[in-house]
Protein backbone atom coordinates (compact mmCIF):
# COMPACT_ATOMS: atom_id res chain seq x y z
CA UNK A 1 35.13 -44.92 39.31
CA UNK A 2 31.83 -45.52 38.71
CA UNK A 3 31.53 -48.95 37.01
CA UNK A 4 32.98 -52.26 37.73
CA UNK A 5 33.50 -53.43 34.06
CA UNK A 6 34.95 -51.50 31.19
CA UNK A 7 33.25 -49.07 29.04
CA UNK A 8 32.38 -50.07 25.72
CA UNK A 9 33.44 -47.41 23.02
CA UNK A 10 31.00 -47.71 20.37
CA UNK A 11 30.95 -44.53 18.80
CA UNK A 12 33.53 -42.94 15.90
CA UNK A 13 33.57 -39.76 17.83
CA UNK A 14 34.59 -41.22 21.37
CA UNK A 15 37.09 -43.60 19.41
CA UNK A 16 38.90 -40.95 17.65
CA UNK A 17 38.87 -38.60 20.88
CA UNK A 18 40.32 -41.50 22.99
CA UNK A 19 42.68 -42.34 19.87
CA UNK A 20 45.22 -39.62 20.50
CA UNK A 21 48.61 -41.01 21.80
CA UNK A 22 48.87 -38.49 24.53
CA UNK A 23 45.51 -38.97 25.79
CA UNK A 24 45.90 -42.82 25.79
CA UNK A 25 49.05 -42.29 27.90
CA UNK A 26 47.00 -39.83 30.34
CA UNK A 27 44.25 -42.56 30.67
CA UNK A 28 46.55 -45.14 31.50
CA UNK A 29 48.48 -42.72 34.32
CA UNK A 30 44.97 -41.65 35.79
CA UNK A 31 43.59 -44.92 35.84
CA UNK A 32 46.73 -46.39 37.72
CA UNK A 33 46.66 -43.28 40.24
CA UNK A 34 43.03 -43.39 40.44
CA UNK A 35 42.84 -39.44 40.92
CA UNK A 36 45.12 -36.89 39.91
CA UNK A 37 45.59 -33.33 38.84
CA UNK A 38 46.81 -32.11 35.46
CA UNK A 39 50.06 -30.94 37.12
CA UNK A 40 50.43 -34.57 38.53
CA UNK A 41 49.91 -35.92 35.13
CA UNK A 42 52.08 -33.49 33.44
CA UNK A 43 55.03 -34.91 35.64
CA UNK A 44 54.42 -38.52 34.70
CA UNK A 45 53.87 -37.96 30.87
CA UNK A 46 56.71 -35.06 30.56
CA UNK A 47 54.57 -32.66 28.89
CA UNK A 48 53.13 -28.93 30.01
CA UNK A 49 50.37 -28.66 32.32
CA UNK A 50 48.52 -26.62 29.69
CA UNK A 51 48.71 -29.32 27.15
CA UNK A 52 47.60 -31.79 29.70
CA UNK A 53 44.90 -29.99 30.84
CA UNK A 54 43.50 -29.37 27.26
CA UNK A 55 43.65 -33.20 26.50
CA UNK A 56 42.01 -34.04 30.00
CA UNK A 57 39.14 -31.84 28.85
CA UNK A 58 38.99 -33.71 25.63
CA UNK A 59 38.71 -36.95 27.30
CA UNK A 60 36.09 -35.30 29.93
CA UNK A 61 33.99 -34.06 27.17
CA UNK A 62 33.68 -37.72 25.85
CA UNK A 63 32.49 -38.97 29.61
CA UNK A 64 35.97 -41.08 29.57
CA UNK A 65 37.07 -39.17 32.83
CA UNK A 66 35.30 -37.17 35.27
CA UNK A 67 36.02 -34.42 37.89
CA UNK A 68 36.97 -35.96 41.20
CA UNK A 69 36.68 -34.58 44.75
CA UNK A 70 39.37 -32.37 45.54
CA UNK A 71 42.13 -34.12 47.22
CA UNK A 72 44.41 -31.39 48.39
CA UNK A 73 44.24 -28.00 50.16
CA UNK A 74 44.42 -25.88 47.24
CA UNK A 75 40.69 -25.62 45.97
CA UNK A 76 41.81 -24.14 42.58
CA UNK A 77 43.24 -27.27 41.49
CA UNK A 78 41.01 -29.66 39.30
CA UNK A 79 41.21 -32.98 40.37
CA UNK A 80 39.97 -36.15 37.63
CA UNK A 81 39.46 -39.80 37.43
CA UNK A 82 38.48 -42.38 34.88
CA UNK A 83 34.58 -42.50 34.61
CA UNK A 84 34.83 -46.26 34.35
CA UNK A 85 36.67 -49.31 35.57
CA UNK A 86 38.85 -48.94 31.95
CA UNK A 87 37.79 -48.55 28.18
CA UNK A 88 37.17 -51.58 25.27
CA UNK A 89 36.83 -51.19 22.00
CA UNK A 90 35.59 -54.15 19.62
CA UNK A 91 36.14 -54.72 15.95
CA UNK A 92 32.34 -55.64 15.79
CA UNK A 93 31.48 -51.94 16.45
CA UNK A 94 33.63 -50.47 13.82
CA UNK A 95 33.96 -52.93 10.79
CA UNK A 96 30.80 -51.57 9.10
CA UNK A 97 32.34 -48.41 7.39
CA UNK A 98 35.79 -48.06 5.99
CA UNK A 99 36.40 -44.83 8.21
CA UNK A 100 35.25 -46.50 11.37
CA UNK A 101 37.48 -49.57 10.55
CA UNK A 102 40.59 -47.61 9.57
CA UNK A 103 40.16 -45.69 12.79
CA UNK A 104 39.57 -48.58 15.11
CA UNK A 105 42.82 -50.33 13.49
CA UNK A 106 44.77 -47.18 14.10
CA UNK A 107 43.89 -46.99 17.74
CA UNK A 108 44.48 -50.78 17.96
CA UNK A 109 47.87 -50.41 16.72
CA UNK A 110 48.61 -47.19 18.91
CA UNK A 111 47.59 -49.37 21.77
CA UNK A 112 49.72 -51.87 21.06
CA UNK A 113 52.92 -49.97 20.28
CA UNK A 114 52.56 -48.10 23.61
CA UNK A 115 52.14 -51.37 25.26
CA UNK A 116 55.35 -52.42 23.74
CA UNK A 117 56.97 -49.35 24.64
CA UNK A 118 55.98 -50.04 28.65
CA UNK A 119 57.44 -53.66 28.24
CA UNK A 120 60.69 -52.51 26.38
CA UNK A 121 60.96 -50.08 29.62
CA UNK A 122 60.87 -52.82 31.91
CA UNK A 123 63.15 -54.87 29.98
CA UNK A 124 65.33 -52.10 30.04
CA UNK A 125 65.25 -51.59 33.99
CA UNK A 126 64.45 -55.14 35.13
CA UNK A 127 68.03 -55.34 36.39
CA UNK A 128 67.29 -52.57 39.01
CA UNK A 129 64.45 -54.42 40.15
CA UNK A 130 64.46 -57.09 43.36
CA UNK A 131 64.98 -60.95 42.71
CA UNK A 132 61.62 -61.35 43.80
CA UNK A 133 60.13 -59.08 41.11
CA UNK A 134 62.18 -60.63 38.31
CA UNK A 135 61.20 -63.97 39.37
CA UNK A 136 57.71 -62.84 39.57
CA UNK A 137 57.52 -61.12 35.99
CA UNK A 138 56.70 -63.45 33.12
CA UNK A 139 56.18 -63.54 29.47
CA UNK A 140 54.62 -66.58 27.93
CA UNK A 141 53.20 -67.56 24.36
CA UNK A 142 50.54 -70.33 24.30
CA UNK A 143 49.36 -71.84 21.06
CA UNK A 144 46.35 -73.51 21.17
CA UNK A 145 43.74 -75.13 18.45
CA UNK A 146 40.47 -73.35 19.49
CA UNK A 147 37.25 -72.29 18.08
CA UNK A 148 36.16 -68.82 18.12
CA UNK A 149 33.48 -69.83 20.92
CA UNK A 150 36.45 -71.15 22.71
CA UNK A 151 38.74 -68.07 22.34
CA UNK A 152 35.84 -65.97 23.51
CA UNK A 153 35.26 -68.10 26.63
CA UNK A 154 39.02 -67.86 27.57
CA UNK A 155 39.06 -64.31 27.16
CA UNK A 156 36.21 -63.81 29.76
CA UNK A 157 37.86 -66.42 32.14
CA UNK A 158 41.01 -64.52 31.93
CA UNK A 159 39.07 -61.19 32.30
CA UNK A 160 37.52 -62.35 35.48
CA UNK A 161 40.52 -63.50 37.11
CA UNK A 162 42.56 -60.44 36.29
CA UNK A 163 39.61 -58.07 38.07
CA UNK A 164 39.75 -60.22 40.88
CA UNK A 165 43.34 -59.64 41.57
CA UNK A 166 43.03 -56.01 40.55
CA UNK A 167 40.39 -55.58 43.15
CA UNK A 168 42.08 -57.19 45.70
CA UNK A 169 44.93 -55.18 45.08
CA UNK A 170 43.01 -51.87 45.10
CA UNK A 171 41.30 -52.93 48.24
CA UNK A 172 44.63 -53.79 50.32
CA UNK A 173 46.07 -50.20 48.63
CA UNK A 174 42.86 -48.48 49.99
CA UNK A 175 43.50 -50.22 53.36
CA UNK A 176 47.17 -48.89 53.51
CA UNK A 177 49.06 -52.17 52.62
CA UNK A 178 51.38 -50.62 49.99
CA UNK A 179 54.58 -52.69 51.36
CA UNK A 180 56.17 -54.35 48.33
CA UNK A 181 53.39 -53.18 46.01
CA UNK A 182 54.06 -52.11 42.77
CA UNK A 183 51.78 -51.31 39.30
CA UNK A 184 51.71 -54.26 37.20
CA UNK A 185 50.76 -54.18 33.47
CA UNK A 186 49.44 -57.41 32.15
CA UNK A 187 48.85 -57.49 28.35
CA UNK A 188 47.02 -60.40 26.95
CA UNK A 189 46.42 -60.96 23.06
CA UNK A 190 44.21 -63.82 21.90
CA UNK A 191 44.16 -63.91 17.84
CA UNK A 192 43.90 -66.70 15.14
CA UNK A 193 46.87 -67.03 12.88
CA UNK A 194 47.75 -69.51 10.18
CA UNK A 195 51.36 -70.92 10.06
């Protein structure tokens, strides 16, 4: 991954390219693996290798993923990696035209649904995890009276904290410290609401 910050998607074409359910799943799986082949990713998403290859090429066409150095002995297999440290897409970049706003809203909803499915999967299987993981996992709701500036500052601070832990975990993983290490999803939402 070449950048230290998420790539901010600002154009409609890239947003549409990413906004396919399988491409979003593939990107998440590739982000976790850091490098993978279409075959490896096809096993994870339970799809045909040819279909996965097609969608990986579409992600690459928009610069969301890129070819990686081959990891195996089979030089015929193409290895992929994310082109950045994640992706972000903001309402401010898409609210100026109805098609842009609708595409952004659809992608955000699809992203939320995939995240909810991931959490439901955890809830369905949490009893198989060790007590240490069950007690470490959390689900919280905070309700705070904030201004938009305070919410933006909170978002920035939380981002910095998460990136610190992610970097430390990846560094430990790179050093071979994988004992007891699992992929952890952390979903945060901050939004105004009226009671």
